Amino acid sequence: MAKDVKGGRPTGSLPTGRRATVRVKTARGRTVSSQRWLQRQLNDPYVAEAKKRGYRSRAAFKLLQIDDQFRFLKPGMRIVDLGAAPGGWTQVAVERAKPGRAGGIVIGLDITPVEPVPGATVLAKDFYDDDAPAVLMELLAGPADVVLSDMAASATGDTQTDHLRIMGLAEAAHDFARQVLKPGGTFVAKVLRGGTERALLDRLKKDFAKVRHVKPEASRSDSAEMYVVGIGFRG
């Protein structure tokens, strides 16, 4: 399978090959919205590519593309994935940190049980717990190089409510990252456009040498989601 190359580094972060469009037939008990969702899933090249490569979700390609741009996931790093379920981002972190071979450590954390990810430690734990930072740093045997968060609250259908809920998770993830990151570390979190993300950016700029907004190609164009990347934690 061919891989795209960026700066001499194989990325493999784009789907390959063409697929015929799949049309979903109406079925008893299936709503119009569920039919549209199913048709989108069946025709999404990232869904097909994730299945082909063994990733647990198409979201894995978002992290691959963000890292291809900023190159913060490296062999030997200590990486924490907050809200890890179903495990796609944890899988990517393992691929790039190379635990075992390069000595990297990858820990996924989620209140929802996650199937084991080879090469990673996955904890069924709430990162809001008071002891979560200490537990993580003990398992990492030191501070983290990278803290990742692709967390999203269940959608309510109200745009402003959904925006505030996801921003609340991003802000909490930032607070957690400040407790476990090493100086020079990197923080990545999902946000939604909607007005309040400016406050988070201002906070990040105080803690990181470089802060960027990015919308990876794998993020659907009709989605308001973006990611903030903070590089060079000041400690």
Protein backbone atom coordinates (compact mmCIF):
# COMPACT_ATOMS: atom_id res chain seq x y z
CA MET A 1 0.00 0.00 0.00
CA ALA A 2 1.44 3.35 -1.02
CA LYS A 3 1.99 5.98 1.62
CA ASP A 4 2.11 9.72 1.29
CA VAL A 5 5.40 11.27 2.26
CA LYS A 6 5.94 14.61 3.94
CA GLY A 7 9.45 15.95 4.36
CA GLY A 8 10.86 12.48 3.78
CA ARG A 9 8.76 10.99 6.57
CA PRO A 10 6.15 8.35 5.59
CA THR A 11 2.85 9.52 7.01
CA GLY A 12 0.27 6.99 5.85
CA SER A 13 -2.36 9.42 7.06
CA LEU A 14 -4.52 9.54 3.93
CA PRO A 15 -6.92 6.90 2.57
CA THR A 16 -5.79 5.02 -0.51
CA GLY A 17 -7.79 3.65 -3.41
CA ARG A 18 -11.26 4.47 -4.71
CA ARG A 19 -14.51 2.93 -3.58
CA ALA A 20 -17.91 2.79 -5.27
CA THR A 21 -20.58 4.92 -3.63
CA VAL A 22 -22.86 2.91 -1.37
CA ARG A 23 -26.53 3.87 -1.23
CA VAL A 24 -28.52 2.96 1.87
CA LYS A 25 -32.03 1.69 1.27
CA THR A 26 -34.86 2.73 3.53
CA ALA A 27 -35.77 0.21 6.21
CA ARG A 28 -38.60 -0.18 8.67
CA GLY A 29 -37.78 1.51 11.98
CA ARG A 30 -34.86 3.50 10.56
CA THR A 31 -35.21 7.27 10.86
CA VAL A 32 -34.13 9.66 8.12
CA SER A 33 -31.27 10.94 10.31
CA SER A 34 -30.00 7.43 11.08
CA GLN A 35 -30.20 6.58 7.37
CA ARG A 36 -28.11 9.64 6.52
CA TRP A 37 -25.58 8.77 9.23
CA LEU A 38 -25.28 5.20 7.97
CA GLN A 39 -24.83 6.32 4.37
CA ARG A 40 -22.14 8.80 5.43
CA GLN A 41 -20.32 6.10 7.39
CA LEU A 42 -20.46 3.61 4.54
CA ASN A 43 -19.10 6.18 2.08
CA ASP A 44 -16.47 7.72 4.36
CA PRO A 45 -13.00 6.76 3.05
CA TYR A 46 -11.49 7.21 6.52
CA VAL A 47 -13.94 4.72 8.03
CA ALA A 48 -12.94 2.16 5.39
CA GLU A 49 -9.24 2.90 5.80
CA ALA A 50 -9.44 2.63 9.59
CA LYS A 51 -10.99 -0.81 9.25
CA LYS A 52 -8.34 -1.82 6.73
CA ARG A 53 -5.48 -0.77 9.02
CA GLY A 54 -6.99 -2.06 12.23
CA TYR A 55 -7.66 1.32 13.83
CA ARG A 56 -10.63 1.41 16.18
CA SER A 57 -11.98 4.68 14.80
CA ARG A 58 -11.53 7.08 11.90
CA ALA A 59 -10.36 9.62 14.51
CA ALA A 60 -6.95 7.92 14.42
CA PHE A 61 -6.28 9.75 11.15
CA LYS A 62 -6.91 13.11 12.83
CA LEU A 63 -4.04 12.51 15.23
CA LEU A 64 -1.83 11.11 12.46
CA GLN A 65 -2.39 14.27 10.40
CA ILE A 66 -1.87 16.63 13.34
CA ASP A 67 1.39 14.87 14.19
CA ASP A 68 2.50 14.89 10.56
CA GLN A 69 2.20 18.67 10.71
CA PHE A 70 3.79 19.33 14.12
CA ARG A 71 5.85 16.16 14.74
CA PHE A 72 5.51 15.93 18.50
CA LEU A 73 5.05 12.13 18.81
CA LYS A 74 8.48 10.53 18.85
CA PRO A 75 10.01 7.19 19.84
CA GLY A 76 10.72 6.89 23.55
CA MET A 77 8.16 9.47 24.68
CA ARG A 78 5.77 9.27 27.63
CA ILE A 79 2.26 9.93 26.29
CA VAL A 80 -1.11 10.26 28.03
CA ASP A 81 -4.38 9.91 26.09
CA LEU A 82 -7.33 11.36 28.02
CA GLY A 83 -10.77 10.04 27.11
CA ALA A 84 -9.10 7.21 25.21
CA ALA A 85 -12.19 5.19 24.20
CA PRO A 86 -12.43 3.45 21.81
CA GLY A 87 -8.62 3.54 21.54
CA GLY A 88 -7.76 4.92 18.09
CA TRP A 89 -5.57 7.74 19.37
CA THR A 90 -3.87 5.37 21.82
CA GLN A 91 -3.05 3.06 18.91
CA VAL A 92 -1.41 5.92 17.00
CA ALA A 93 0.54 6.97 20.10
CA VAL A 94 1.87 3.41 20.45
CA GLU A 95 2.88 3.30 16.78
CA ARG A 96 4.91 6.48 17.10
CA ALA A 97 6.29 6.23 20.66
CA LYS A 98 7.33 2.59 20.09
CA PRO A 99 7.02 1.27 23.66
CA GLY A 100 9.32 -1.66 24.29
CA ARG A 101 11.67 -0.98 21.40
CA ALA A 102 12.38 2.67 22.15
CA GLY A 103 11.32 2.73 25.80
CA GLY A 104 8.24 4.86 25.29
CA ILE A 105 5.24 4.64 27.61
CA VAL A 106 1.65 5.18 26.48
CA ILE A 107 -1.25 5.39 28.95
CA GLY A 108 -4.89 5.72 27.95
CA LEU A 109 -7.44 6.93 30.49
CA ASP A 110 -11.22 6.75 30.23
CA ILE A 111 -14.23 6.22 32.49
CA THR A 112 -15.60 3.95 29.76
CA PRO A 113 -13.94 0.51 29.67
CA VAL A 114 -11.57 0.21 26.71
CA GLU A 115 -10.40 -3.04 25.15
CA PRO A 116 -6.66 -3.55 25.76
CA VAL A 117 -4.37 -1.78 23.31
CA PRO A 118 -1.15 -3.72 22.67
CA GLY A 119 1.83 -1.69 23.85
CA ALA A 120 -0.23 0.65 26.06
CA THR A 121 -1.63 0.68 29.57
CA VAL A 122 -5.32 1.54 29.58
CA LEU A 123 -6.98 2.61 32.83
CA ALA A 124 -10.71 2.72 33.57
CA LYS A 125 -10.43 5.92 35.56
CA ASP A 126 -11.84 9.45 35.60
CA PHE A 127 -9.14 12.04 35.03
CA TYR A 128 -11.15 14.37 37.28
CA ASP A 129 -10.23 12.15 40.25
CA ASP A 130 -7.96 13.95 42.70
CA ASP A 131 -5.38 11.17 42.58
CA ALA A 132 -5.34 10.85 38.77
CA PRO A 133 -2.23 13.03 38.16
CA ALA A 134 -0.23 11.16 40.80
CA VAL A 135 -1.34 7.75 39.49
CA LEU A 136 -0.37 8.74 35.95
CA MET A 137 3.05 10.08 36.88
CA GLU A 138 3.82 6.95 38.89
CA LEU A 139 2.96 4.74 35.91
CA LEU A 140 4.97 7.00 33.61
CA ALA A 141 7.90 7.04 36.06
CA GLY A 142 8.05 10.79 35.61
CA PRO A 143 6.26 13.66 33.85
CA ALA A 144 4.60 13.24 30.45
CA ASP A 145 6.03 14.46 27.14
CA VAL A 146 2.58 14.69 25.53
CA VAL A 147 -1.00 14.92 26.79
CA LEU A 148 -3.74 14.23 24.23
CA SER A 149 -7.49 14.82 24.50
CA ASP A 150 -10.03 13.94 21.82
CA MET A 151 -12.83 14.05 24.40
CA ALA A 152 -16.34 15.06 23.42
CA ALA A 153 -19.53 15.11 25.45
CA SER A 154 -22.64 13.45 24.08
CA ALA A 155 -24.38 15.81 21.66
CA THR A 156 -27.57 17.46 22.87
CA GLY A 157 -28.60 18.96 19.53
CA ASP A 158 -28.23 22.49 20.90
CA THR A 159 -25.18 24.08 19.28
CA GLN A 160 -24.29 26.42 22.15
CA THR A 161 -24.75 23.75 24.82
CA ASP A 162 -22.59 21.28 22.90
CA HIS A 163 -19.94 23.96 22.40
CA LEU A 164 -19.81 24.80 26.12
CA ARG A 165 -19.64 21.14 27.14
CA ILE A 166 -16.73 20.32 24.86
CA MET A 167 -14.90 23.51 25.82
CA GLY A 168 -15.36 22.54 29.46
CA LEU A 169 -13.66 19.21 28.77
CA ALA A 170 -10.81 20.92 26.89
CA GLU A 171 -10.24 23.34 29.76
CA ALA A 172 -10.23 20.48 32.28
CA ALA A 173 -7.76 18.57 30.10
CA HIS A 174 -5.53 21.65 30.02
CA ASP A 175 -5.63 21.89 33.81
CA PHE A 176 -4.68 18.21 34.01
CA ALA A 177 -1.86 18.66 31.48
CA ARG A 178 -0.38 21.49 33.56
CA GLN A 179 0.02 19.02 36.42
CA VAL A 180 1.70 16.18 34.53
CA LEU A 181 3.60 17.69 31.57
CA LYS A 182 7.35 18.13 31.59
CA PRO A 183 8.88 21.45 30.49
CA GLY A 184 8.90 21.52 26.70
CA GLY A 185 5.94 19.14 26.50
CA THR A 186 2.98 19.20 24.10
CA PHE A 187 -0.78 19.38 24.65
CA VAL A 188 -3.44 18.60 22.03
CA ALA A 189 -7.19 18.94 22.60
CA LYS A 190 -10.42 18.99 20.64
CA VAL A 191 -12.43 22.23 20.70
CA LEU A 192 -15.55 23.51 18.94
CA ARG A 193 -15.83 26.87 17.24
CA GLY A 194 -18.50 28.91 18.96
CA GLY A 195 -17.10 31.91 20.77
CA THR A 196 -15.59 30.74 24.06
CA GLU A 197 -12.50 29.03 22.63
CA ARG A 198 -10.65 32.37 22.79
CA ALA A 199 -10.46 32.13 26.60
CA LEU A 200 -8.76 28.73 26.35
CA LEU A 201 -6.31 30.01 23.75
CA ASP A 202 -5.36 32.90 26.03
CA ARG A 203 -4.68 30.45 28.86
CA LEU A 204 -2.64 28.18 26.62
CA LYS A 205 -0.49 31.07 25.40
CA LYS A 206 0.58 31.68 28.99
CA ASP A 207 1.67 28.05 29.40
CA PHE A 208 3.13 27.17 25.99
CA ALA A 209 5.75 28.76 23.75
CA LYS A 210 3.66 28.08 20.63
CA VAL A 211 -0.11 27.63 20.30
CA ARG A 212 -1.86 26.73 17.05
CA HIS A 213 -5.37 25.92 15.80
CA VAL A 214 -5.58 23.08 13.28
CA LYS A 215 -8.37 21.30 11.41
CA PRO A 216 -6.97 18.03 10.05
CA GLU A 217 -8.22 16.77 6.71
CA ALA A 218 -9.89 13.80 8.43
CA SER A 219 -12.12 16.21 10.39
CA ARG A 220 -15.37 16.45 8.46
CA SER A 221 -15.80 19.77 6.67
CA ASP A 222 -19.31 20.28 8.04
CA SER A 223 -18.10 19.86 11.64
CA ALA A 224 -17.25 22.79 13.91
CA GLU A 225 -14.50 20.77 15.57
CA MET A 226 -10.90 21.92 15.54
CA TYR A 227 -7.86 21.07 17.63
CA VAL A 228 -5.59 23.28 19.69
CA VAL A 229 -1.92 22.36 19.85
CA GLY A 230 0.28 23.79 22.58
CA ILE A 231 4.01 23.17 22.08
CA GLY A 232 6.83 23.99 24.47
CA PHE A 233 5.23 23.79 27.92
CA ARG A 234 6.82 26.41 30.14
CA GLY A 235 6.33 24.38 33.32
